[in-house]
Amino acid sequence: MRIPFIVLILVVASRSSVADKPCQAREIQNQSVVCVCTEDYCDSITTTRPQQGSYHIYRSSQTGLRLEKRHGRIRSYNSSYEYDTEIILNPRKTYQTIEGFGGAVTDAVGINWLKLTKPLQETFVESYFGDCGIGYNMIRVPIGGCDFSTHAYAYNELPANDVKLSNFSLAAEDFNLKLPLIKRLRAVSTVPVLLLGTIWSPPVWMKTNNKITGVSRLKPEYFQTYADYHLKFLEKYSENGVPVWGITTTNEPFNGVLPLPTFNSLGFTPDGMGRWIAENLGPTIRNSKFKDTKILGIDDQRYMIPFWYTLVVDLWPEADTYLDGLAVHWYLNKEVPPSVYTLVNNTGKFIISTEACSGFELNNPDRVILGSWKRAEDYIGDIIESINSGLVGWIDWNLCLDPQGGPNWVENFVDSPIIVTSSTEFVKQPMFYAMAHVSKFVPRGSQRIDVRIKGDSIEAMAFVLPDDMVVVVIFNRQDETRKVRLQLFSKEIVVTVHARSINTVQIP
């Protein structure tokens, strides 16, 4: 009986060793590399628990490393060892529990996904949500249209002034673009995929300006209708086999207060939003069969916390009882310190980042930059800052776009972690791997642990996983290599952190 047992072990080891495929790199002039995926080849990544006494480290860098795996031995702590930076880990001091990481399925994402050949569509799905992918477990989806559609639309546009929403139905874009992809992503995932729905604009007859874009408010006579609109979306997606985990209280409501954007929007003042949540949305959802659906407030930049959240709950305290958490976007985070999150401390509400992308700046002609390592650094820097500030997750914007950064009906083109270059090829941007260094290694249910950093130049965050493994994410944005010591009680790990690199360390 011993021989078959040995053979079985060899077969399993062989399958594990061939499962990981390295990046098929394409060099981009004056940038880093992209990883090319075709029907014949696409890089993949699996993770295994390190043996006791050992650790694994995965590295990505400006020089072209992409999740390169190495291992080493854990040793007893030696206080005399010389290092540039010391990271002291304390798993006994824990903070928030992680909900997840993911991206958005917009019409544009569905359009680009369907451009791919059938085998490559499946490769795309596996790259994000499959066992050999990067571990995404959350999806944000527009309720109706957004700027990343080919045209402006909403549900129940006709008949106008239809208070009872008698003509409410999903759009062709749901059935042709979004739902097929969402179902595939959910099917390949080995964990529950949480779906978050957000409205950019209701039908124009609900709005004071009677337009999809521009400065507007919700007409008071349609406050309850707008709440019912959300409920009907939950019903329709459920009927189509896609349960919705949460909804937000409208995408970037401040956009409709000032004449800033040219895309789909609905303006809300804190007073109007508070009233609508307290008297309409909250009771409507909580008194329905979808009463457990999460309701997330703000869904705007974090600078809105002092203006939006505090004012809403001051004016309408009952609104606060219906909110499970707050959703924030990353735009302008460099101008607003994360200390604003402390205003939500002790409220019992979680905060999650629900939208981010590069190339959004109005004065930036380079909406898509293939191979940009700087944009990967922007991603991982914001993720580390956000999670270290108490956020429970981080959801990217479009899962994929075309080389122009679209389609987008108002030409608000931006970058994406995956760019679909043709029907037979897509490329993974450095941003994809910035996400992977967290999403692949930090599953839902992980808890952030205390980290103290001695020395400069290094940014880090750490977690204890549900299986008690410790994971540390280390980011070096400097041009010099650093020798870094990780101290875990009486043990230590010393690793070389390359210049301009992202690193994930697994400690059993």
Protein backbone atom coordinates (compact mmCIF):
# COMPACT_ATOMS: atom_id res chain seq x y z
CA MET A 1 0.00 0.00 0.00
CA ARG A 2 2.97 2.36 0.38
CA ILE A 3 3.78 2.67 -3.32
CA PRO A 4 0.37 4.06 -4.41
CA PHE A 5 0.55 6.55 -1.54
CA ILE A 6 3.94 7.83 -2.73
CA VAL A 7 2.73 8.03 -6.31
CA LEU A 8 -0.29 10.06 -5.22
CA ILE A 9 1.94 12.58 -3.47
CA LEU A 10 4.11 12.93 -6.57
CA VAL A 11 1.10 13.52 -8.80
CA VAL A 12 -0.30 16.20 -6.50
CA ALA A 13 3.08 17.94 -6.25
CA SER A 14 3.45 17.86 -10.02
CA ARG A 15 0.05 19.46 -10.56
CA SER A 16 0.85 22.16 -8.03
CA SER A 17 4.19 22.95 -9.64
CA VAL A 18 2.76 23.38 -13.14
CA ALA A 19 -0.27 25.35 -11.96
CA ASP A 20 1.69 28.59 -11.63
CA LYS A 21 2.55 30.17 -14.96
CA PRO A 22 4.87 33.19 -15.02
CA CYS A 23 4.03 36.46 -16.71
CA GLN A 24 4.41 36.49 -20.48
CA ALA A 25 6.01 39.91 -20.39
CA ARG A 26 5.81 42.56 -23.07
CA GLU A 27 8.11 45.49 -22.52
CA ILE A 28 6.61 48.95 -22.90
CA GLN A 29 8.92 51.82 -23.76
CA ASN A 30 9.65 54.07 -20.76
CA GLN A 31 7.35 51.96 -18.57
CA SER A 32 7.36 48.58 -16.86
CA VAL A 33 5.88 45.47 -18.52
CA VAL A 34 2.39 44.15 -19.21
CA CYS A 35 1.57 40.45 -19.04
CA VAL A 36 0.04 39.12 -22.25
CA CYS A 37 -2.83 36.61 -22.21
CA THR A 38 -3.97 34.66 -25.27
CA GLU A 39 -5.90 31.44 -25.85
CA ASP A 40 -2.61 29.55 -25.66
CA TYR A 41 -1.09 31.12 -22.56
CA CYS A 42 -1.92 33.29 -19.56
CA ASP A 43 -0.04 33.64 -16.30
CA SER A 44 -1.63 32.22 -13.16
CA ILE A 45 -0.95 32.01 -9.45
CA THR A 46 -1.75 29.49 -6.73
CA THR A 47 -0.88 29.70 -3.06
CA THR A 48 -0.03 26.99 -0.56
CA ARG A 49 0.57 27.25 3.14
CA PRO A 50 4.31 27.37 3.93
CA GLN A 51 5.71 24.46 5.90
CA GLN A 52 6.21 25.10 9.58
CA GLY A 53 9.45 26.98 10.10
CA SER A 54 9.40 28.44 6.58
CA TYR A 55 7.85 31.46 4.88
CA HIS A 56 6.86 32.39 1.33
CA ILE A 57 7.43 35.77 -0.26
CA TYR A 58 5.84 36.96 -3.52
CA ARG A 59 7.40 39.94 -5.32
CA SER A 60 6.34 42.32 -8.09
CA SER A 61 8.52 45.23 -9.15
CA GLN A 62 9.06 48.03 -11.60
CA THR A 63 11.82 45.95 -13.19
CA GLY A 64 9.27 43.36 -14.31
CA LEU A 65 8.80 40.82 -11.53
CA ARG A 66 5.20 39.68 -11.26
CA LEU A 67 4.28 37.63 -8.19
CA GLU A 68 7.67 35.92 -8.23
CA LYS A 69 7.64 33.32 -5.46
CA ARG A 70 10.55 32.57 -3.11
CA HIS A 71 10.77 30.83 0.24
CA GLY A 72 13.06 30.96 3.25
CA ARG A 73 13.54 29.85 6.83
CA ILE A 74 12.14 31.53 9.92
CA ARG A 75 14.79 31.92 12.59
CA SER A 76 15.10 32.99 16.21
CA TYR A 77 15.13 36.72 16.82
CA ASN A 78 18.62 38.25 16.81
CA SER A 79 18.67 41.81 18.12
CA SER A 80 22.18 42.44 16.79
CA TYR A 81 21.23 41.86 13.16
CA GLU A 82 21.61 44.94 10.95
CA TYR A 83 18.66 46.04 8.84
CA ASP A 84 17.22 49.14 7.19
CA THR A 85 13.68 48.70 8.45
CA GLU A 86 12.08 46.57 11.15
CA ILE A 87 8.41 45.59 11.05
CA ILE A 88 7.13 44.38 14.42
CA LEU A 89 4.00 42.22 14.16
CA ASN A 90 1.52 41.69 16.98
CA PRO A 91 -1.27 39.23 16.07
CA ARG A 92 -2.67 39.57 19.59
CA LYS A 93 -3.83 43.10 18.80
CA THR A 94 -6.45 42.94 16.06
CA TYR A 95 -8.58 45.53 14.31
CA GLN A 96 -11.27 45.31 11.60
CA THR A 97 -12.33 42.15 9.80
CA ILE A 98 -11.84 42.19 6.04
CA GLU A 99 -14.91 41.89 3.80
CA GLY A 100 -13.15 41.65 0.45
CA PHE A 101 -11.66 43.06 -2.73
CA GLY A 102 -12.98 43.28 -6.26
CA GLY A 103 -13.96 45.40 -9.24
CA ALA A 104 -16.94 46.68 -11.19
CA VAL A 105 -18.97 45.09 -13.99
CA THR A 106 -20.19 48.00 -16.11
CA ASP A 107 -21.63 47.88 -19.62
CA ALA A 108 -18.16 48.73 -20.92
CA VAL A 109 -16.69 45.73 -19.11
CA GLY A 110 -19.31 43.43 -20.61
CA ILE A 111 -18.71 44.83 -24.10
CA ASN A 112 -14.97 44.24 -23.89
CA TRP A 113 -15.38 40.79 -22.35
CA LEU A 114 -17.67 39.72 -25.18
CA LYS A 115 -15.11 40.89 -27.74
CA LEU A 116 -12.85 38.07 -26.61
CA THR A 117 -12.99 34.57 -28.05
CA LYS A 118 -14.91 32.09 -25.90
CA PRO A 119 -11.76 30.43 -24.49
CA LEU A 120 -10.25 33.81 -23.68
CA GLN A 121 -13.47 34.95 -22.00
CA GLU A 122 -13.05 32.05 -19.63
CA THR A 123 -9.38 32.88 -19.07
CA PHE A 124 -10.41 36.42 -18.15
CA VAL A 125 -12.97 35.15 -15.64
CA GLU A 126 -10.45 32.75 -14.09
CA SER A 127 -7.80 35.48 -13.87
CA TYR A 128 -9.92 37.48 -11.46
CA PHE A 129 -12.16 35.01 -9.60
CA GLY A 130 -10.81 31.50 -10.27
CA ASP A 131 -8.56 29.30 -8.12
CA CYS A 132 -5.53 30.32 -10.16
CA GLY A 133 -6.61 33.95 -10.28
CA ILE A 134 -6.20 36.78 -7.82
CA GLY A 135 -8.98 36.00 -5.38
CA TYR A 136 -11.57 38.70 -6.05
CA ASN A 137 -14.79 38.21 -4.06
CA MET A 138 -16.74 41.46 -4.58
CA ILE A 139 -18.45 43.08 -7.58
CA ARG A 140 -19.92 46.56 -7.94
CA VAL A 141 -22.60 46.96 -10.59
CA PRO A 142 -24.42 50.06 -11.85
CA ILE A 143 -28.19 49.98 -11.38
CA GLY A 144 -29.09 51.01 -14.91
CA GLY A 145 -26.60 53.02 -16.93
CA CYS A 146 -23.52 55.03 -16.02
CA ASP A 147 -20.90 56.87 -18.05
CA PHE A 148 -19.30 53.52 -18.93
CA SER A 149 -22.26 52.71 -21.15
CA THR A 150 -22.66 53.42 -24.86
CA HIS A 151 -25.62 55.72 -24.24
CA ALA A 152 -27.58 57.31 -21.41
CA TYR A 153 -30.41 55.22 -19.99
CA ALA A 154 -32.27 54.25 -16.83
CA TYR A 155 -34.98 51.74 -15.98
CA ASN A 156 -38.68 52.64 -16.34
CA GLU A 157 -38.01 55.71 -18.49
CA LEU A 158 -41.56 55.46 -19.83
CA PRO A 159 -44.25 56.22 -19.03
CA ALA A 160 -43.18 59.49 -17.44
CA ASN A 161 -44.37 60.26 -13.92
CA ASP A 162 -45.01 56.56 -13.31
CA VAL A 163 -45.17 56.68 -9.52
CA LYS A 164 -45.93 52.96 -9.22
CA LEU A 165 -43.11 51.96 -11.62
CA SER A 166 -45.56 49.87 -13.60
CA ASN A 167 -43.10 49.43 -16.46
CA PHE A 168 -40.02 48.55 -14.42
CA SER A 169 -37.80 45.95 -16.06
CA LEU A 170 -34.12 45.32 -16.47
CA ALA A 171 -32.43 46.66 -19.60
CA ALA A 172 -30.99 44.78 -22.55
CA GLU A 173 -27.57 45.70 -21.15
CA ASP A 174 -28.29 43.67 -18.02
CA PHE A 175 -29.25 40.57 -19.96
CA ASN A 176 -26.61 40.88 -22.68
CA LEU A 177 -23.63 42.44 -20.92
CA LYS A 178 -23.69 42.46 -17.13
CA LEU A 179 -25.62 39.42 -15.91
CA PRO A 180 -23.83 36.84 -18.11
CA LEU A 181 -20.44 38.00 -16.87
CA ILE A 182 -21.52 38.30 -13.24
CA LYS A 183 -22.92 34.76 -13.35
CA ARG A 184 -19.66 33.40 -14.75
CA LEU A 185 -17.60 35.23 -12.13
CA ARG A 186 -19.80 33.84 -9.37
CA ALA A 187 -19.66 30.35 -10.85
CA VAL A 188 -15.86 30.06 -10.88
CA SER A 189 -15.39 31.50 -7.40
CA THR A 190 -15.00 29.06 -4.52
CA VAL A 191 -16.28 31.67 -2.04
CA PRO A 192 -19.46 33.78 -2.01
CA VAL A 193 -19.19 36.79 -4.32
CA LEU A 194 -20.80 39.89 -2.81
CA LEU A 195 -22.62 42.19 -5.24
CA LEU A 196 -22.99 45.91 -4.54
CA GLY A 197 -25.49 47.92 -6.61
CA THR A 198 -25.32 51.67 -7.21
CA ILE A 199 -27.54 54.13 -9.10
CA TRP A 200 -25.94 56.94 -11.10
CA SER A 201 -29.22 58.47 -12.25
CA PRO A 202 -32.90 57.50 -12.10
CA PRO A 203 -35.19 58.21 -15.08
CA VAL A 204 -35.22 61.92 -15.88
CA TRP A 205 -38.86 62.39 -14.87
CA MET A 206 -37.85 61.90 -11.24
CA LYS A 207 -35.31 64.76 -11.43
CA THR A 208 -35.75 68.52 -11.16
CA ASN A 209 -33.73 69.24 -14.33
CA ASN A 210 -35.33 66.46 -16.42
CA LYS A 211 -31.88 65.41 -17.66
CA ILE A 212 -29.56 62.46 -17.03
CA THR A 213 -26.64 64.83 -16.37
CA GLY A 214 -26.21 68.21 -14.73
CA VAL A 215 -27.28 69.90 -11.51
CA SER A 216 -30.42 68.25 -10.17
CA ARG A 217 -32.37 67.08 -7.16
CA LEU A 218 -34.88 64.30 -6.69
CA LYS A 219 -38.40 65.70 -6.98
CA PRO A 220 -40.06 65.40 -3.54
CA GLU A 221 -43.09 63.63 -4.99
CA TYR A 222 -40.81 60.78 -6.10
CA PHE A 223 -38.93 60.14 -2.85
CA GLN A 224 -40.86 56.92 -2.24
CA THR A 225 -40.75 55.99 -5.92
CA TYR A 226 -36.94 56.24 -5.87
CA ALA A 227 -36.85 53.91 -2.85
CA ASP A 228 -39.17 51.48 -4.66
CA TYR A 229 -36.85 51.70 -7.69
CA HIS A 230 -34.05 50.22 -5.57
CA LEU A 231 -36.32 47.50 -4.24
CA LYS A 232 -37.42 46.49 -7.73
CA PHE A 233 -33.79 46.18 -8.80
CA LEU A 234 -33.17 43.79 -5.90
CA GLU A 235 -36.22 41.79 -6.95
CA LYS A 236 -35.22 41.58 -10.61
CA TYR A 237 -31.63 40.54 -9.97
CA SER A 238 -32.81 37.94 -7.46
CA GLU A 239 -35.29 36.58 -10.03
CA ASN A 240 -32.35 36.20 -12.42
CA GLY A 241 -30.32 34.18 -9.95
CA VAL A 242 -28.03 36.97 -8.77
CA PRO A 243 -28.56 38.02 -5.14
CA VAL A 244 -27.43 41.52 -4.20
CA TRP A 245 -25.43 41.92 -0.98
CA GLY A 246 -25.73 45.68 -0.71
CA ILE A 247 -26.81 48.97 -2.26
CA THR A 248 -25.43 52.47 -1.89
CA THR A 249 -27.49 55.62 -1.52
CA THR A 250 -26.60 56.97 -5.02
CA ASN A 251 -23.24 57.37 -6.71
CA GLU A 252 -21.40 60.59 -5.83
CA PRO A 253 -24.44 62.71 -4.90
CA PHE A 254 -22.28 65.84 -4.69
CA ASN A 255 -21.77 65.60 -8.47
CA GLY A 256 -25.38 66.63 -8.97
CA VAL A 257 -25.11 69.55 -6.55
CA LEU A 258 -22.36 71.37 -8.43
CA PRO A 259 -22.00 71.62 -12.24
CA LEU A 260 -18.91 69.40 -12.25
CA PRO A 261 -19.42 66.16 -14.19
CA THR A 262 -20.90 65.60 -17.61
CA PHE A 263 -22.06 62.06 -16.84
CA ASN A 264 -25.09 60.47 -15.20
CA SER A 265 -25.76 61.94 -11.76
CA LEU A 266 -28.36 62.83 -9.15
CA GLY A 267 -27.77 65.58 -6.60
CA PHE A 268 -28.67 65.28 -2.94
CA THR A 269 -28.23 67.74 -0.09
CA PRO A 270 -27.55 66.22 3.35
CA ASP A 271 -31.06 67.21 4.42
CA GLY A 272 -32.67 65.64 1.36
CA MET A 273 -30.58 62.50 1.61
CA GLY A 274 -31.24 62.12 5.31
CA ARG A 275 -34.97 62.49 4.85
CA TRP A 276 -35.05 60.03 1.94
CA ILE A 277 -33.10 57.38 3.87
CA ALA A 278 -35.09 57.85 7.08
CA GLU A 279 -38.58 58.03 5.59
CA ASN A 280 -38.30 56.07 2.35
CA LEU A 281 -35.29 53.91 1.50
CA GLY A 282 -34.63 52.52 4.97
CA PRO A 283 -38.20 51.47 5.79
CA THR A 284 -38.77 50.16 2.25
CA ILE A 285 -35.77 47.83 2.32
CA ARG A 286 -36.07 46.77 5.95
CA ASN A 287 -39.76 45.90 5.58
CA SER A 288 -39.18 43.78 2.47
CA LYS A 289 -37.89 40.24 1.98
CA PHE A 290 -34.55 41.90 1.19
CA LYS A 291 -34.33 43.35 4.70
CA ASP A 292 -30.79 42.02 5.21
CA THR A 293 -29.42 43.95 2.23
CA LYS A 294 -26.61 46.25 3.34
CA ILE A 295 -27.29 49.97 2.91
CA LEU A 296 -24.13 52.04 2.44
CA GLY A 297 -24.12 55.81 2.65
CA ILE A 298 -22.04 58.50 0.92
CA ASP A 299 -20.56 56.56 -2.07
CA ASP A 300 -18.53 59.69 -2.72
CA GLN A 301 -15.07 61.07 -1.90
CA ARG A 302 -13.85 60.71 1.66
CA TYR A 303 -13.84 64.49 2.10
CA MET A 304 -17.64 64.13 2.15
CA ILE A 305 -17.59 62.37 5.52
CA PRO A 306 -17.49 65.60 7.57
CA PHE A 307 -20.02 67.33 5.31
CA TRP A 308 -22.30 64.46 4.34
CA TYR A 309 -22.33 61.83 7.05
CA THR A 310 -22.20 64.08 10.10
CA LEU A 311 -24.80 66.46 8.68
CA VAL A 312 -27.14 63.68 7.58
CA VAL A 313 -27.18 62.05 11.00
CA ASP A 314 -27.43 65.41 12.78
CA LEU A 315 -30.43 66.43 10.69
CA TRP A 316 -32.01 62.98 10.45
CA PRO A 317 -30.82 60.73 13.32
CA GLU A 318 -33.19 57.97 12.21
CA ALA A 319 -31.35 57.72 8.88
CA ASP A 320 -28.31 56.52 10.78
CA THR A 321 -30.23 53.52 12.10
CA TYR A 322 -30.70 52.22 8.55
CA LEU A 323 -27.08 52.59 7.44
CA ASP A 324 -24.84 49.54 7.79
CA GLY A 325 -21.74 51.29 6.54
CA LEU A 326 -20.22 54.00 4.41
CA ALA A 327 -18.79 53.77 0.89
CA VAL A 328 -15.96 56.06 -0.21
CA HIS A 329 -14.11 56.72 -3.47
CA TRP A 330 -10.38 57.31 -3.81
CA TYR A 331 -10.39 60.45 -5.97
CA LEU A 332 -8.80 63.37 -4.10
CA ASN A 333 -7.50 61.07 -1.35
CA LYS A 334 -4.07 62.68 -1.76
CA GLU A 335 -5.62 66.02 -0.76
CA VAL A 336 -7.67 64.73 2.18
CA PRO A 337 -6.03 62.89 5.11
CA PRO A 338 -7.40 59.52 6.23
CA SER A 339 -7.97 61.02 9.68
CA VAL A 340 -11.50 61.92 8.49
CA TYR A 341 -12.38 58.26 8.98
CA THR A 342 -12.13 58.77 12.74
CA LEU A 343 -15.42 60.67 12.57
CA VAL A 344 -17.08 57.29 12.00
CA ASN A 345 -15.31 55.58 14.90
CA ASN A 346 -17.58 54.13 17.57
CA THR A 347 -20.65 54.32 15.31
CA GLY A 348 -20.73 50.58 14.63
CA LYS A 349 -20.50 51.24 10.88
CA PHE A 350 -17.90 49.83 8.53
CA ILE A 351 -16.24 51.78 5.72
CA ILE A 352 -15.32 50.33 2.34
CA SER A 353 -13.69 51.89 -0.70
CA THR A 354 -16.00 51.30 -3.67
CA GLU A 355 -14.35 53.02 -6.64
CA ALA A 356 -10.84 53.78 -7.87
CA CYS A 357 -9.11 54.16 -11.20
CA SER A 358 -6.09 55.87 -12.74
CA GLY A 359 -6.16 58.25 -15.67
CA PHE A 360 -9.21 60.14 -14.43
CA GLU A 361 -7.54 63.55 -14.16
CA LEU A 362 -9.14 66.08 -16.49
CA ASN A 363 -5.78 67.56 -17.51
CA ASN A 364 -4.23 64.14 -18.17
CA PRO A 365 -4.10 63.22 -21.87
CA ASP A 366 -2.85 59.71 -21.07
CA ARG A 367 -6.00 57.98 -19.89
CA VAL A 368 -4.52 54.51 -20.52
CA ILE A 369 -0.80 53.98 -19.97
CA LEU A 370 0.30 50.45 -20.73
CA GLY A 371 2.87 49.18 -18.25
CA SER A 372 2.62 52.09 -15.80
CA TRP A 373 4.27 51.02 -12.54
CA LYS A 374 3.48 54.42 -11.03
CA ARG A 375 -0.23 53.60 -11.26
CA ALA A 376 0.37 50.26 -9.52
CA GLU A 377 2.12 52.20 -6.76
CA ASP A 378 -0.83 54.56 -6.49
CA TYR A 379 -3.13 51.56 -6.05
CA ILE A 380 -1.13 49.71 -3.41
CA GLY A 381 -0.31 52.92 -1.55
CA ASP A 382 -3.98 53.80 -1.25
CA ILE A 383 -4.97 50.25 -0.32
CA ILE A 384 -2.42 50.14 2.50
CA GLU A 385 -3.40 53.58 3.78
CA SER A 386 -7.11 52.72 3.59
CA ILE A 387 -6.89 49.33 5.29
CA ASN A 388 -4.56 50.70 7.97
CA SER A 389 -7.21 53.38 8.57
CA GLY A 390 -9.89 50.79 9.29
CA LEU A 391 -11.55 50.12 5.91
CA VAL A 392 -12.88 46.59 5.39
CA GLY A 393 -12.28 46.32 1.65
CA TRP A 394 -11.30 48.02 -1.58
CA ILE A 395 -13.23 47.73 -4.86
CA ASP A 396 -11.62 48.84 -8.10
CA TRP A 397 -13.54 50.42 -10.99
CA ASN A 398 -13.85 48.64 -14.40
CA LEU A 399 -12.52 45.07 -14.54
CA CYS A 400 -11.42 45.72 -18.13
CA LEU A 401 -11.54 48.41 -20.81
CA ASP A 402 -10.36 48.91 -24.38
CA PRO A 403 -7.04 50.63 -25.27
CA GLN A 404 -8.77 54.01 -25.30
CA GLY A 405 -10.17 53.46 -21.81
CA GLY A 406 -13.77 52.86 -22.80
CA PRO A 407 -16.31 52.68 -24.22
CA ASN A 408 -17.74 55.66 -22.38
CA TRP A 409 -20.66 57.67 -23.76
CA VAL A 410 -19.28 61.01 -22.50
CA GLU A 411 -15.65 60.11 -23.34
CA ASN A 412 -14.65 60.00 -19.69
CA PHE A 413 -11.93 57.47 -20.51
CA VAL A 414 -9.75 55.97 -17.75
CA ASP A 415 -7.29 53.13 -17.16
CA SER A 416 -8.02 49.60 -15.99
CA PRO A 417 -6.06 46.62 -14.58
CA ILE A 418 -6.88 44.65 -17.75
CA ILE A 419 -6.90 46.13 -21.24
CA VAL A 420 -8.57 44.13 -24.03
CA THR A 421 -6.36 44.80 -27.05
CA SER A 422 -8.13 42.50 -29.53
CA SER A 423 -10.47 39.52 -29.71
CA THR A 424 -7.49 37.21 -29.20
CA GLU A 425 -5.53 39.08 -26.53
CA PHE A 426 -5.81 40.98 -23.29
CA VAL A 427 -2.99 42.38 -21.18
CA LYS A 428 -2.67 42.63 -17.43
CA GLN A 429 -1.44 45.99 -16.24
CA PRO A 430 0.83 46.49 -13.20
CA MET A 431 -2.32 47.63 -11.35
CA PHE A 432 -3.65 44.07 -11.68
CA TYR A 433 -0.70 42.80 -9.64
CA ALA A 434 -0.99 45.59 -7.08
CA MET A 435 -4.49 44.30 -6.42
CA ALA A 436 -3.29 40.68 -6.46
CA HIS A 437 -0.77 41.25 -3.67
CA VAL A 438 -3.71 41.84 -1.35
CA SER A 439 -6.77 40.13 -2.84
CA LYS A 440 -5.02 36.80 -3.45
CA PHE A 441 -3.55 36.53 0.03
CA VAL A 442 -6.08 38.23 2.33
CA PRO A 443 -9.40 36.33 2.19
CA ARG A 444 -12.68 37.42 3.70
CA GLY A 445 -12.66 36.99 7.46
CA SER A 446 -9.01 37.99 7.88
CA GLN A 447 -8.29 40.51 10.62
CA ARG A 448 -5.83 43.36 10.40
CA ILE A 449 -3.20 43.13 13.14
CA ASP A 450 -0.98 45.68 14.80
CA VAL A 451 2.15 46.70 12.91
CA ARG A 452 4.96 48.95 14.15
CA ILE A 453 7.58 50.07 11.66
CA LYS A 454 11.07 51.16 12.73
CA GLY A 455 12.93 52.95 9.98
CA ASP A 456 11.69 54.84 6.96
CA SER A 457 10.75 54.32 3.32
CA ILE A 458 8.65 51.20 3.87
CA GLU A 459 4.84 50.98 4.03
CA ALA A 460 3.18 47.83 5.34
CA MET A 461 0.01 46.22 6.65
CA ALA A 462 -0.51 42.78 8.16
CA PHE A 463 -3.29 40.30 8.85
CA VAL A 464 -4.09 37.11 10.68
CA LEU A 465 -6.10 34.82 8.42
CA PRO A 466 -8.99 32.54 9.43
CA ASP A 467 -6.51 29.63 9.41
CA ASP A 468 -4.16 31.61 11.74
CA MET A 469 -1.55 32.25 9.06
CA VAL A 470 -0.01 35.74 9.17
CA VAL A 471 0.25 37.73 5.93
CA VAL A 472 2.30 40.91 5.57
CA VAL A 473 2.13 43.27 2.57
CA ILE A 474 5.26 45.41 2.17
CA PHE A 475 5.56 48.31 -0.27
CA ASN A 476 8.80 50.09 -1.17
CA ARG A 477 8.24 53.14 -3.36
CA GLN A 478 11.87 54.24 -3.12
CA ASP A 479 14.62 53.73 -5.70
CA GLU A 480 16.83 51.82 -3.24
CA THR A 481 16.65 48.21 -2.09
CA ARG A 482 15.92 47.75 1.61
CA LYS A 483 16.85 45.00 4.05
CA VAL A 484 13.72 44.43 6.14
CA ARG A 485 13.33 42.40 9.31
CA LEU A 486 9.92 41.06 10.31
CA GLN A 487 9.66 40.31 14.03
CA LEU A 488 6.92 37.96 15.18
CA PHE A 489 7.33 37.43 18.93
CA SER A 490 10.59 35.48 19.38
CA LYS A 491 11.02 34.75 15.67
CA GLU A 492 12.26 36.82 12.76
CA ILE A 493 12.32 36.84 9.00
CA VAL A 494 14.81 38.94 7.07
CA VAL A 495 13.90 39.74 3.49
CA THR A 496 15.35 41.85 0.72
CA VAL A 497 12.76 44.32 -0.51
CA HIS A 498 13.67 45.47 -3.99
CA ALA A 499 13.46 49.06 -5.12
CA ARG A 500 10.00 50.10 -6.38
CA SER A 501 8.41 46.81 -5.38
CA ILE A 502 5.34 45.25 -3.76
CA ASN A 503 5.86 42.17 -1.59
CA THR A 504 3.56 39.74 0.20
CA VAL A 505 4.93 37.45 2.92
CA GLN A 506 3.10 34.38 4.25
CA ILE A 507 4.07 33.17 7.74
CA PRO A 508 2.47 29.93 9.05
